[in-house]
Amino acid sequence: MPTKPSVQELFKRAVEANPDLASLGANAYLFFVLSLHVQAEDVRELAALALTDGPDDKKVDACYIDLEEGRAVIAQGYVSTDWGRAAAPSNKASDLKHGGCLVTQRTD
């Protein structure tokens, strides 16, 4: 009897099977989850609107603002090479806090 795939394996398969997600490289998993959360039909359009990852991204990999729904999502992604890892490095939480502060600060 074949073994049932783990949730992690199903997650990896779903991302790898979608060429739009695969084209996002290290941000593929972040945008897979973000697209599910905001119920986006077009991942490429979502990435065009929200992807901020880069060398000067101020610790924010994605910033999605939906004025119609009155919500914003600020995200810091992390993908470990070890799928058994229980959590991201602790500095990722402080990175997100720093990025969130920068995104929401007033600039009068």
N, C-alpha and C. Protein backbone atom coordinates (compact mmCIF):
# COMPACT_ATOMS: atom_id res chain seq x y z
N MET A 1 0.85 -1.17 0.00
CA MET A 1 0.00 0.00 0.00
C MET A 1 0.90 1.24 0.00
N PRO A 2 0.66 2.19 -0.92
CA PRO A 2 1.49 3.41 -0.93
C PRO A 2 1.23 4.26 0.30
N THR A 3 2.28 4.95 0.73
CA THR A 3 2.13 5.82 1.90
C THR A 3 1.48 7.13 1.49
N LYS A 4 0.76 7.68 2.40
CA LYS A 4 0.08 8.96 2.18
C LYS A 4 1.12 10.07 2.26
N PRO A 5 1.15 10.99 1.27
CA PRO A 5 2.14 12.08 1.33
C PRO A 5 1.88 13.01 2.51
N SER A 6 2.95 13.56 3.05
CA SER A 6 2.83 14.50 4.17
C SER A 6 2.26 15.83 3.68
N VAL A 7 1.82 16.63 4.61
CA VAL A 7 1.33 17.97 4.28
C VAL A 7 2.45 18.77 3.61
N GLN A 8 3.68 18.63 4.12
CA GLN A 8 4.80 19.35 3.54
C GLN A 8 5.01 18.94 2.09
N GLU A 9 4.91 17.64 1.80
CA GLU A 9 5.09 17.16 0.43
C GLU A 9 3.98 17.68 -0.48
N LEU A 10 2.77 17.67 -0.01
CA LEU A 10 1.65 18.20 -0.80
C LEU A 10 1.83 19.69 -1.07
N PHE A 11 2.29 20.41 -0.08
CA PHE A 11 2.56 21.84 -0.20
C PHE A 11 3.63 22.09 -1.27
N LYS A 12 4.73 21.35 -1.18
CA LYS A 12 5.82 21.48 -2.16
C LYS A 12 5.32 21.16 -3.57
N ARG A 13 4.55 20.10 -3.71
CA ARG A 13 4.02 19.71 -5.03
C ARG A 13 3.12 20.79 -5.62
N ALA A 14 2.27 21.38 -4.78
CA ALA A 14 1.36 22.42 -5.25
C ALA A 14 2.12 23.63 -5.78
N VAL A 15 3.17 24.02 -5.08
CA VAL A 15 3.96 25.18 -5.50
C VAL A 15 4.75 24.85 -6.76
N GLU A 16 5.39 23.70 -6.78
CA GLU A 16 6.22 23.33 -7.93
C GLU A 16 5.41 23.08 -9.19
N ALA A 17 4.14 22.71 -9.05
CA ALA A 17 3.28 22.45 -10.21
C ALA A 17 2.75 23.71 -10.86
N ASN A 18 2.90 24.84 -10.19
CA ASN A 18 2.37 26.10 -10.71
C ASN A 18 3.52 26.93 -11.29
N PRO A 19 3.60 27.08 -12.62
CA PRO A 19 4.72 27.82 -13.21
C PRO A 19 4.78 29.28 -12.78
N ASP A 20 3.64 29.88 -12.50
CA ASP A 20 3.64 31.28 -12.03
C ASP A 20 4.32 31.38 -10.67
N LEU A 21 4.07 30.43 -9.81
CA LEU A 21 4.73 30.43 -8.50
C LEU A 21 6.20 30.07 -8.65
N ALA A 22 6.49 29.07 -9.46
CA ALA A 22 7.89 28.65 -9.65
C ALA A 22 8.74 29.81 -10.16
N SER A 23 8.16 30.69 -10.95
CA SER A 23 8.91 31.83 -11.49
C SER A 23 9.30 32.83 -10.40
N LEU A 24 8.70 32.73 -9.22
CA LEU A 24 9.00 33.64 -8.12
C LEU A 24 10.18 33.18 -7.27
N GLY A 25 10.74 32.03 -7.61
CA GLY A 25 11.92 31.53 -6.89
C GLY A 25 11.69 31.38 -5.41
N ALA A 26 12.54 32.00 -4.61
CA ALA A 26 12.46 31.88 -3.15
C ALA A 26 11.17 32.46 -2.58
N ASN A 27 10.48 33.28 -3.33
CA ASN A 27 9.23 33.87 -2.86
C ASN A 27 7.99 33.06 -3.24
N ALA A 28 8.18 31.91 -3.88
CA ALA A 28 7.06 31.10 -4.34
C ALA A 28 6.14 30.68 -3.19
N TYR A 29 6.71 30.20 -2.11
CA TYR A 29 5.89 29.73 -0.98
C TYR A 29 5.17 30.89 -0.31
N LEU A 30 5.84 32.01 -0.17
CA LEU A 30 5.22 33.20 0.41
C LEU A 30 3.99 33.60 -0.40
N PHE A 31 4.13 33.63 -1.73
CA PHE A 31 3.01 34.06 -2.56
C PHE A 31 1.94 32.99 -2.73
N PHE A 32 2.30 31.73 -2.56
CA PHE A 32 1.29 30.67 -2.53
C PHE A 32 0.35 30.90 -1.34
N VAL A 33 0.94 31.12 -0.18
CA VAL A 33 0.14 31.33 1.03
C VAL A 33 -0.61 32.66 0.95
N LEU A 34 0.06 33.71 0.49
CA LEU A 34 -0.60 35.01 0.38
C LEU A 34 -1.78 34.95 -0.59
N SER A 35 -1.60 34.25 -1.71
CA SER A 35 -2.70 34.15 -2.68
C SER A 35 -3.89 33.40 -2.09
N LEU A 36 -3.63 32.38 -1.27
CA LEU A 36 -4.73 31.69 -0.60
C LEU A 36 -5.41 32.60 0.42
N HIS A 37 -4.59 33.34 1.17
CA HIS A 37 -5.13 34.21 2.23
C HIS A 37 -6.03 35.32 1.65
N VAL A 38 -5.58 35.94 0.58
CA VAL A 38 -6.36 37.05 0.01
C VAL A 38 -7.28 36.60 -1.12
N GLN A 39 -7.30 35.29 -1.37
CA GLN A 39 -8.14 34.69 -2.41
C GLN A 39 -7.88 35.31 -3.78
N ALA A 40 -6.59 35.48 -4.10
CA ALA A 40 -6.20 36.03 -5.39
C ALA A 40 -6.31 34.96 -6.47
N GLU A 41 -6.87 35.31 -7.59
CA GLU A 41 -7.00 34.36 -8.70
C GLU A 41 -5.75 34.35 -9.57
N ASP A 42 -5.01 35.44 -9.59
CA ASP A 42 -3.84 35.57 -10.47
C ASP A 42 -2.60 35.85 -9.61
N VAL A 43 -1.77 34.84 -9.45
CA VAL A 43 -0.58 34.97 -8.62
C VAL A 43 0.41 35.97 -9.22
N ARG A 44 0.52 36.00 -10.53
CA ARG A 44 1.45 36.93 -11.17
C ARG A 44 1.03 38.38 -10.92
N GLU A 45 -0.26 38.64 -11.00
CA GLU A 45 -0.76 39.99 -10.72
C GLU A 45 -0.54 40.35 -9.25
N LEU A 46 -0.79 39.39 -8.37
CA LEU A 46 -0.56 39.62 -6.95
C LEU A 46 0.90 39.95 -6.68
N ALA A 47 1.81 39.19 -7.29
CA ALA A 47 3.24 39.45 -7.11
C ALA A 47 3.62 40.81 -7.67
N ALA A 48 3.04 41.19 -8.80
CA ALA A 48 3.34 42.50 -9.38
C ALA A 48 2.91 43.63 -8.44
N LEU A 49 1.82 43.41 -7.72
CA LEU A 49 1.32 44.43 -6.79
C LEU A 49 2.05 44.43 -5.45
N ALA A 50 2.44 43.25 -4.97
CA ALA A 50 2.87 43.14 -3.58
C ALA A 50 4.34 42.79 -3.36
N LEU A 51 5.04 42.28 -4.35
CA LEU A 51 6.42 41.84 -4.13
C LEU A 51 7.34 43.03 -3.92
N THR A 52 8.04 43.03 -2.80
CA THR A 52 8.98 44.10 -2.48
C THR A 52 10.38 43.56 -2.22
N ASP A 53 10.54 42.23 -2.27
CA ASP A 53 11.81 41.59 -1.94
C ASP A 53 12.94 42.09 -2.82
N GLY A 54 14.04 42.38 -2.20
CA GLY A 54 15.22 42.85 -2.92
C GLY A 54 16.28 43.29 -1.93
N PRO A 55 17.42 43.76 -2.44
CA PRO A 55 18.52 44.12 -1.54
C PRO A 55 18.20 45.28 -0.60
N ASP A 56 17.26 46.14 -0.95
CA ASP A 56 16.91 47.28 -0.10
C ASP A 56 15.43 47.23 0.27
N ASP A 57 14.94 46.03 0.62
CA ASP A 57 13.51 45.85 0.87
C ASP A 57 13.05 46.24 2.27
N LYS A 58 13.97 46.72 3.10
CA LYS A 58 13.64 47.17 4.46
C LYS A 58 12.98 46.08 5.28
N LYS A 59 13.36 44.83 5.02
CA LYS A 59 12.88 43.66 5.77
C LYS A 59 11.44 43.29 5.48
N VAL A 60 10.90 43.75 4.35
CA VAL A 60 9.54 43.40 3.93
C VAL A 60 9.65 42.74 2.56
N ASP A 61 9.19 41.48 2.47
CA ASP A 61 9.24 40.77 1.19
C ASP A 61 7.97 40.95 0.38
N ALA A 62 6.87 41.25 1.07
CA ALA A 62 5.60 41.50 0.38
C ALA A 62 4.79 42.49 1.19
N CYS A 63 4.14 43.40 0.48
CA CYS A 63 3.25 44.37 1.12
C CYS A 63 2.01 44.49 0.23
N TYR A 64 0.92 43.95 0.70
CA TYR A 64 -0.33 43.92 -0.07
C TYR A 64 -1.36 44.79 0.63
N ILE A 65 -1.92 45.73 -0.10
CA ILE A 65 -2.94 46.62 0.47
C ILE A 65 -4.19 46.50 -0.39
N ASP A 66 -5.30 46.19 0.24
CA ASP A 66 -6.59 46.06 -0.44
C ASP A 66 -7.52 47.10 0.17
N LEU A 67 -7.67 48.22 -0.52
CA LEU A 67 -8.50 49.31 -0.01
C LEU A 67 -9.98 48.94 0.04
N GLU A 68 -10.44 48.14 -0.93
CA GLU A 68 -11.85 47.74 -0.95
C GLU A 68 -12.21 46.89 0.26
N GLU A 69 -11.32 45.98 0.63
CA GLU A 69 -11.56 45.10 1.78
C GLU A 69 -11.10 45.73 3.09
N GLY A 70 -10.34 46.82 3.01
CA GLY A 70 -9.83 47.48 4.21
C GLY A 70 -8.81 46.65 4.95
N ARG A 71 -7.89 46.04 4.21
CA ARG A 71 -6.87 45.22 4.86
C ARG A 71 -5.51 45.40 4.20
N ALA A 72 -4.50 45.12 5.01
CA ALA A 72 -3.13 45.15 4.52
C ALA A 72 -2.41 43.93 5.06
N VAL A 73 -1.51 43.39 4.24
CA VAL A 73 -0.69 42.25 4.65
C VAL A 73 0.76 42.63 4.43
N ILE A 74 1.54 42.58 5.48
CA ILE A 74 2.98 42.84 5.42
C ILE A 74 3.66 41.52 5.77
N ALA A 75 4.52 41.03 4.87
CA ALA A 75 5.08 39.69 5.07
C ALA A 75 6.59 39.65 4.90
N GLN A 76 7.20 38.79 5.67
CA GLN A 76 8.63 38.49 5.58
C GLN A 76 8.71 36.98 5.36
N GLY A 77 9.26 36.57 4.24
CA GLY A 77 9.31 35.14 3.93
C GLY A 77 10.59 34.48 4.39
N TYR A 78 10.50 33.17 4.58
CA TYR A 78 11.68 32.37 4.90
C TYR A 78 11.39 30.93 4.50
N VAL A 79 12.28 30.34 3.72
CA VAL A 79 12.16 28.94 3.35
C VAL A 79 13.45 28.25 3.76
N SER A 80 13.33 27.25 4.60
CA SER A 80 14.49 26.49 5.05
C SER A 80 14.78 25.37 4.06
N THR A 81 16.03 25.01 3.94
CA THR A 81 16.37 23.85 3.12
C THR A 81 16.02 22.56 3.84
N ASP A 82 15.75 22.65 5.14
CA ASP A 82 15.37 21.50 5.96
C ASP A 82 13.87 21.59 6.26
N TRP A 83 13.06 20.75 5.58
CA TRP A 83 11.62 20.80 5.78
C TRP A 83 11.22 20.37 7.18
N GLY A 84 12.12 19.76 7.92
CA GLY A 84 11.81 19.35 9.28
C GLY A 84 12.01 20.44 10.31
N ARG A 85 12.55 21.57 9.88
CA ARG A 85 12.80 22.67 10.81
C ARG A 85 11.47 23.18 11.38
N ALA A 86 11.42 23.35 12.68
CA ALA A 86 10.17 23.72 13.36
C ALA A 86 9.80 25.19 13.18
N ALA A 87 10.79 26.06 13.01
CA ALA A 87 10.50 27.49 12.93
C ALA A 87 11.61 28.22 12.18
N ALA A 88 11.30 29.41 11.76
CA ALA A 88 12.30 30.28 11.12
C ALA A 88 13.26 30.79 12.18
N PRO A 89 14.43 31.29 11.77
CA PRO A 89 15.34 31.89 12.74
C PRO A 89 14.64 33.04 13.49
N SER A 90 14.99 33.23 14.73
CA SER A 90 14.31 34.22 15.57
C SER A 90 14.44 35.65 15.03
N ASN A 91 15.49 35.93 14.27
CA ASN A 91 15.63 37.29 13.75
C ASN A 91 14.57 37.63 12.71
N LYS A 92 13.90 36.63 12.14
CA LYS A 92 12.87 36.91 11.14
C LYS A 92 11.69 37.66 11.76
N ALA A 93 11.36 37.35 13.01
CA ALA A 93 10.27 38.07 13.69
C ALA A 93 10.66 39.52 13.91
N SER A 94 11.88 39.78 14.33
CA SER A 94 12.30 41.16 14.54
C SER A 94 12.44 41.89 13.20
N ASP A 95 12.84 41.16 12.14
CA ASP A 95 12.88 41.77 10.81
C ASP A 95 11.50 42.24 10.39
N LEU A 96 10.49 41.40 10.62
CA LEU A 96 9.12 41.76 10.25
C LEU A 96 8.62 42.94 11.07
N LYS A 97 8.93 42.94 12.35
CA LYS A 97 8.53 44.07 13.21
C LYS A 97 9.15 45.37 12.68
N HIS A 98 10.44 45.32 12.36
CA HIS A 98 11.14 46.49 11.82
C HIS A 98 10.49 46.94 10.51
N GLY A 99 10.24 45.99 9.62
CA GLY A 99 9.62 46.32 8.33
C GLY A 99 8.22 46.88 8.51
N GLY A 100 7.44 46.30 9.42
CA GLY A 100 6.11 46.80 9.67
C GLY A 100 6.11 48.22 10.19
N CYS A 101 7.07 48.53 11.04
CA CYS A 101 7.20 49.90 11.55
C CYS A 101 7.52 50.88 10.42
N LEU A 102 8.42 50.47 9.54
CA LEU A 102 8.79 51.35 8.43
C LEU A 102 7.61 51.58 7.48
N VAL A 103 6.85 50.52 7.20
CA VAL A 103 5.72 50.62 6.27
C VAL A 103 4.62 51.50 6.84
N THR A 104 4.42 51.44 8.14
CA THR A 104 3.29 52.15 8.73
C THR A 104 3.65 53.52 9.34
N GLN A 105 4.89 53.92 9.29
CA GLN A 105 5.24 55.22 9.88
C GLN A 105 4.75 56.38 9.03
N ARG A 106 4.43 57.45 9.67
CA ARG A 106 3.97 58.66 8.98
C ARG A 106 5.16 59.38 8.39
N THR A 107 4.95 60.03 7.27
CA THR A 107 6.04 60.77 6.63
C THR A 107 5.61 62.22 6.35
N ASP A 108 5.00 62.87 7.32
CA ASP A 108 4.53 64.26 7.12
C ASP A 108 5.69 65.16 6.79
